Amino acid sequence: MPLAPDMAFLLLLLLRMAVAAAFVVSASMITERSGPVVGALISTLPISAGPVYIFLARDHDAAFIADSALAALPINAATLVLGLIYTLLAQRHTLLVSFGAALLAWLALSIAAHGINWSFAGGLAVNAVAAAVCLPLAQRFRKVTMPPIRRRWYDVPLRALLVATLVAVGVGLSDRVGPVVTGIVTVFPIVSISLMLILHPRIGGRATAAVIANGLWGLVGFGLGVATLHLAAVPLGSWGALLLALVVCVGWNLGLWQLSRRGAAR
C-alpha cells in the first residue's frame, strides 16, 4: 500500500536529516583528534552544506541551485567575520560572550545581506574584503597546543541535532521560501558553531579559537566552491556543478595542507 504524500515527505526528510547529521558528526570527531590546522581544514569542507545541496538538487532545477549559491556568497563573508570575532573574544572571555557576540554579528550581517540584490561580482568583492580584513587579524592566534579532549555523553547527540535541524529547515522549507533564503540557510555555519559549543568548555577559548582561526583560510576555499556552483549549475547541470564545486573546495584545502606541512618542516 503506497504511503500518503505527507508521510512519504516526512520519512524522506527524516532520512535526509539522519544522513547529513551522520556525515557532519563523523567529520567533527575527526577534527577533534587532528589538531587545529588539519581539523580546521576538515571542518571547512562542505560537510554540512554539501548534503543539503545534494538533497536540494533532487527537488529543484539548476536555476534554483545557481540562485541559492549566489545568495550564499555574501553569507560566507559574514561567516568569516563570525570566525574573527569569536577568535578575538575567546582569548579572554567566556563561551557565552565570545559565541554570543559572534553569532549576533553573523545574524546582523546576514539580515543586511538579505536586503541587497547581489550580483556575482558583488558577492565575490564582499568575500575578498572580508578575507583581507579577517585573515591578517586572526593570523597570530592560529598556533596553539591542543590539550587532551575528554568526550561527554551529549557531544554526538548535540551535533547531530544541530545538523538535522539545519537540514529540516533548509530542505523542508525550500519550496516555501525560495532560493535566496534557502541559500542563506544552507550555508549557516553549523560546523563552526558546533565546534565552538563543544570544544570551548572542554579545551578552553584559545585552543578552540585556534581551530576557528585556521578555518578562516578554509572558508575562502568554500566561498570559491560556492562561486563555482553558481557559475556551473546552469551550463553543467546541478550534479556536474556540485561535483566541480566539491573539487574546488577539496583542492583548496589540500593546497593549504601542503603549505602547512612545508611550514612545519622548516
Protein backbone atom coordinates (compact mmCIF):
# COMPACT_ATOMS: atom_id res chain seq x y z
CA MET A 1 0.00 0.00 0.00
CA PRO A 2 1.59 3.31 -1.06
CA LEU A 3 2.37 5.89 1.56
CA ALA A 4 0.36 9.08 1.77
CA PRO A 5 2.23 12.07 0.27
CA ASP A 6 2.67 13.74 3.67
CA MET A 7 4.03 10.56 5.25
CA ALA A 8 6.40 9.94 2.34
CA PHE A 9 7.69 13.51 2.60
CA LEU A 10 8.22 13.15 6.36
CA LEU A 11 10.10 9.86 6.02
CA LEU A 12 12.31 11.25 3.26
CA LEU A 13 13.04 14.36 5.31
CA LEU A 14 13.97 12.25 8.35
CA LEU A 15 16.29 10.16 6.18
CA ARG A 16 17.95 13.28 4.83
CA MET A 17 18.40 14.67 8.34
CA ALA A 18 19.96 11.41 9.55
CA VAL A 19 22.37 11.13 6.61
CA ALA A 20 23.59 14.72 6.88
CA ALA A 21 23.90 14.52 10.68
CA ALA A 22 25.96 11.33 10.50
CA PHE A 23 28.24 12.94 7.92
CA VAL A 24 28.90 16.06 9.97
CA VAL A 25 29.27 14.29 13.31
CA SER A 26 31.88 11.94 11.85
CA ALA A 27 33.84 14.81 10.35
CA SER A 28 33.78 16.87 13.55
CA MET A 29 35.02 13.90 15.59
CA ILE A 30 37.97 13.60 13.22
CA THR A 31 38.57 17.32 13.69
CA GLU A 32 38.97 16.94 17.44
CA ARG A 33 41.73 14.36 17.02
CA SER A 34 43.76 16.00 14.29
CA GLY A 35 44.82 19.35 15.76
CA PRO A 36 43.89 22.93 14.85
CA VAL A 37 45.30 23.05 11.31
CA VAL A 38 44.10 19.77 9.85
CA GLY A 39 40.97 19.89 11.97
CA ALA A 40 40.08 23.32 10.64
CA LEU A 41 40.63 22.23 7.05
CA ILE A 42 38.35 19.24 7.54
CA SER A 43 35.67 21.32 9.23
CA THR A 44 35.60 23.87 6.39
CA LEU A 45 34.91 21.28 3.74
CA PRO A 46 31.24 21.35 2.62
CA ILE A 47 30.25 18.70 5.15
CA SER A 48 27.01 20.41 6.15
CA ALA A 49 26.12 22.49 3.08
CA GLY A 50 27.11 19.67 0.72
CA PRO A 51 24.48 17.13 1.81
CA VAL A 52 21.80 19.84 1.87
CA TYR A 53 22.67 20.91 -1.69
CA ILE A 54 22.54 17.29 -2.83
CA PHE A 55 19.04 16.95 -1.47
CA LEU A 56 18.03 20.31 -2.94
CA ALA A 57 19.31 19.24 -6.36
CA ARG A 58 16.90 16.32 -6.26
CA ASP A 59 13.94 18.63 -5.70
CA HIS A 60 14.80 21.75 -7.72
CA ASP A 61 16.18 22.71 -11.11
CA ALA A 62 19.65 24.04 -11.87
CA ALA A 63 18.49 27.67 -11.88
CA PHE A 64 17.29 27.31 -8.28
CA ILE A 65 20.68 25.89 -7.25
CA ALA A 66 22.51 28.71 -9.05
CA ASP A 67 20.38 31.40 -7.39
CA SER A 68 20.76 29.85 -3.93
CA ALA A 69 24.55 29.69 -4.39
CA LEU A 70 24.62 33.36 -5.36
CA ALA A 71 22.67 34.24 -2.21
CA ALA A 72 25.12 32.15 -0.16
CA LEU A 73 28.21 34.08 -1.34
CA PRO A 74 27.81 37.16 0.91
CA ILE A 75 26.81 34.90 3.80
CA ASN A 76 30.21 33.22 3.55
CA ALA A 77 31.74 36.65 4.09
CA ALA A 78 29.58 37.02 7.20
CA THR A 79 30.91 33.66 8.41
CA LEU A 80 34.46 34.96 8.06
CA VAL A 81 33.51 37.85 10.34
CA LEU A 82 31.87 35.43 12.79
CA GLY A 83 35.10 33.45 12.99
CA LEU A 84 37.23 36.53 13.54
CA ILE A 85 35.01 37.95 16.30
CA TYR A 86 34.94 34.63 18.12
CA THR A 87 38.70 34.21 17.77
CA LEU A 88 39.43 37.65 19.22
CA LEU A 89 36.96 37.43 22.09
CA ALA A 90 37.69 33.81 23.04
CA GLN A 91 41.23 34.73 24.09
CA ARG A 92 39.89 36.29 27.30
CA HIS A 93 36.14 35.81 27.51
CA THR A 94 33.65 33.05 28.23
CA LEU A 95 31.80 30.97 25.67
CA LEU A 96 28.63 32.97 26.22
CA VAL A 97 30.32 36.29 25.45
CA SER A 98 32.52 35.05 22.59
CA PHE A 99 29.94 32.90 20.85
CA GLY A 100 27.05 35.25 21.55
CA ALA A 101 28.78 38.29 20.07
CA ALA A 102 29.97 36.35 17.03
CA LEU A 103 26.53 34.89 16.34
CA LEU A 104 24.81 38.25 16.74
CA ALA A 105 27.26 39.77 14.26
CA TRP A 106 26.58 36.94 11.79
CA LEU A 107 22.82 37.40 12.13
CA ALA A 108 23.06 41.17 11.66
CA LEU A 109 25.28 40.85 8.58
CA SER A 110 23.11 38.07 7.10
CA ILE A 111 19.93 40.10 7.58
CA ALA A 112 21.61 43.10 5.95
CA ALA A 113 22.84 40.92 3.08
CA HIS A 114 19.37 39.51 2.55
CA GLY A 115 18.10 43.01 1.83
CA ILE A 116 20.56 43.52 -1.03
CA ASN A 117 20.10 42.31 -4.60
CA TRP A 118 23.58 40.84 -5.02
CA SER A 119 25.39 40.49 -8.30
CA PHE A 120 28.03 37.81 -8.73
CA ALA A 121 30.78 40.44 -8.80
CA GLY A 122 29.41 41.99 -5.61
CA GLY A 123 29.36 38.63 -3.85
CA LEU A 124 32.99 38.00 -4.79
CA ALA A 125 34.00 41.52 -3.76
CA VAL A 126 32.48 41.29 -0.27
CA ASN A 127 34.27 37.96 0.25
CA ALA A 128 37.57 39.49 -0.86
CA VAL A 129 37.14 42.41 1.56
CA ALA A 130 36.19 40.13 4.44
CA ALA A 131 39.18 37.87 3.78
CA ALA A 132 41.56 40.84 3.50
CA VAL A 133 40.43 42.09 6.92
CA CYS A 134 39.85 38.86 8.84
CA LEU A 135 42.81 36.69 7.80
CA PRO A 136 45.60 39.05 8.92
CA LEU A 137 43.86 39.87 12.21
CA ALA A 138 43.39 36.19 13.08
CA GLN A 139 46.84 35.07 11.92
CA ARG A 140 48.64 35.26 15.28
CA PHE A 141 46.03 33.10 17.02
CA ARG A 142 46.41 30.08 14.75
CA LYS A 143 49.16 28.19 16.59
CA VAL A 144 48.12 26.69 19.92
CA THR A 145 48.90 23.33 21.51
CA MET A 146 45.72 21.30 21.67
CA PRO A 147 45.02 19.89 25.16
CA PRO A 148 43.56 16.39 25.57
CA ILE A 149 39.86 16.19 24.83
CA ARG A 150 37.50 14.30 27.11
CA ARG A 151 34.23 13.33 25.48
CA ARG A 152 30.90 13.81 27.18
CA TRP A 153 27.70 11.93 26.64
CA TYR A 154 25.87 14.77 24.91
CA ASP A 155 28.55 15.62 22.33
CA VAL A 156 27.30 13.45 19.49
CA PRO A 157 23.55 14.00 20.12
CA LEU A 158 24.04 17.79 20.23
CA ARG A 159 25.95 17.89 16.97
CA ALA A 160 23.50 15.55 15.29
CA LEU A 161 20.58 17.69 16.47
CA LEU A 162 22.16 20.90 15.18
CA VAL A 163 22.84 19.48 11.73
CA ALA A 164 19.49 17.69 11.47
CA THR A 165 17.72 20.93 12.31
CA LEU A 166 19.61 22.73 9.54
CA VAL A 167 18.62 20.08 7.01
CA ALA A 168 15.00 20.18 8.14
CA VAL A 169 14.85 23.97 7.74
CA GLY A 170 16.87 24.17 4.51
CA VAL A 171 15.25 21.29 2.66
CA GLY A 172 11.83 21.19 4.25
CA LEU A 173 11.11 24.88 3.67
CA SER A 174 12.90 25.41 0.34
CA ASP A 175 9.65 25.19 -1.63
CA ARG A 176 8.12 27.94 0.50
CA VAL A 177 10.92 30.44 0.95
CA GLY A 178 12.62 30.37 -2.46
CA PRO A 179 16.26 30.13 -3.49
CA VAL A 180 17.59 33.24 -1.70
CA VAL A 181 16.55 32.29 1.83
CA THR A 182 17.38 28.65 1.08
CA GLY A 183 20.91 29.67 0.11
CA ILE A 184 21.34 31.62 3.34
CA VAL A 185 20.07 28.77 5.50
CA THR A 186 22.13 26.17 3.64
CA VAL A 187 25.45 27.85 4.44
CA PHE A 188 24.57 28.59 8.06
CA PRO A 189 27.91 27.92 9.85
CA ILE A 190 26.66 24.87 11.70
CA VAL A 191 30.05 23.12 11.85
CA SER A 192 31.89 26.17 13.21
CA ILE A 193 29.14 26.77 15.73
CA SER A 194 29.10 23.16 16.88
CA LEU A 195 32.89 23.25 17.34
CA MET A 196 32.61 26.43 19.44
CA LEU A 197 29.84 25.00 21.61
CA ILE A 198 31.52 21.63 22.12
CA LEU A 199 35.22 22.50 22.33
CA HIS A 200 35.25 25.79 24.24
CA PRO A 201 34.01 24.35 27.57
CA ARG A 202 36.45 21.43 27.36
CA ILE A 203 39.70 22.76 25.93
CA GLY A 204 39.33 26.49 26.53
CA GLY A 205 38.78 29.51 24.37
CA ARG A 206 42.30 29.88 23.00
CA ALA A 207 42.59 26.34 21.68
CA THR A 208 39.10 26.48 20.18
CA ALA A 209 39.88 29.85 18.67
CA ALA A 210 42.95 28.33 17.01
CA VAL A 211 40.72 25.85 15.17
CA ILE A 212 38.36 28.62 14.08
CA ALA A 213 41.22 30.93 13.06
CA ASN A 214 42.79 28.24 10.89
CA GLY A 215 39.37 27.57 9.43
CA LEU A 216 39.13 31.11 8.05
CA TRP A 217 41.51 30.11 5.27
CA GLY A 218 39.33 27.13 4.50
CA LEU A 219 36.29 29.41 4.28
CA VAL A 220 37.98 31.24 1.42
CA GLY A 221 38.05 27.97 -0.49
CA PHE A 222 34.45 27.27 0.47
CA GLY A 223 33.49 30.65 -0.98
CA LEU A 224 35.27 29.75 -4.21
CA GLY A 225 33.33 26.49 -4.26
CA VAL A 226 30.03 28.34 -3.84
CA ALA A 227 31.02 30.72 -6.64
CA THR A 228 31.83 27.74 -8.85
CA LEU A 229 28.45 26.20 -8.07
CA HIS A 230 26.69 29.40 -9.11
CA LEU A 231 28.57 29.66 -12.39
CA ALA A 232 28.40 25.99 -13.34
CA ALA A 233 24.89 24.98 -12.23
CA VAL A 234 23.01 26.02 -15.38
CA PRO A 235 25.56 25.08 -18.08
CA LEU A 236 26.67 21.79 -16.47
CA GLY A 237 23.53 20.86 -14.57
CA SER A 238 23.17 20.62 -10.81
CA TRP A 239 25.09 17.36 -10.37
CA GLY A 240 28.05 18.35 -12.52
CA ALA A 241 28.24 21.73 -10.78
CA LEU A 242 28.10 20.15 -7.32
CA LEU A 243 30.94 17.80 -8.24
CA LEU A 244 33.04 20.65 -9.63
CA ALA A 245 32.39 22.78 -6.53
CA LEU A 246 33.47 19.88 -4.33
CA VAL A 247 36.69 19.52 -6.33
CA VAL A 248 37.41 23.22 -5.82
CA CYS A 249 36.85 23.03 -2.06
CA VAL A 250 38.88 19.86 -1.59
CA GLY A 251 41.66 21.08 -3.88
CA TRP A 252 41.92 24.38 -1.98
CA ASN A 253 42.15 22.68 1.39
CA LEU A 254 44.67 20.13 0.14
CA GLY A 255 46.80 23.03 -1.05
CA LEU A 256 46.56 24.66 2.38
CA TRP A 257 47.51 21.35 4.00
CA GLN A 258 50.60 21.07 1.82
CA LEU A 259 51.61 24.62 2.70
CA SER A 260 51.17 23.89 6.42
CA ARG A 261 53.35 20.78 6.11
CA ARG A 262 56.09 22.73 4.38
CA GLY A 263 55.90 25.40 7.06
CA ALA A 264 56.19 22.78 9.80
CA ALA A 265 59.16 21.14 8.07
CA ARG A 266 61.02 24.45 8.04
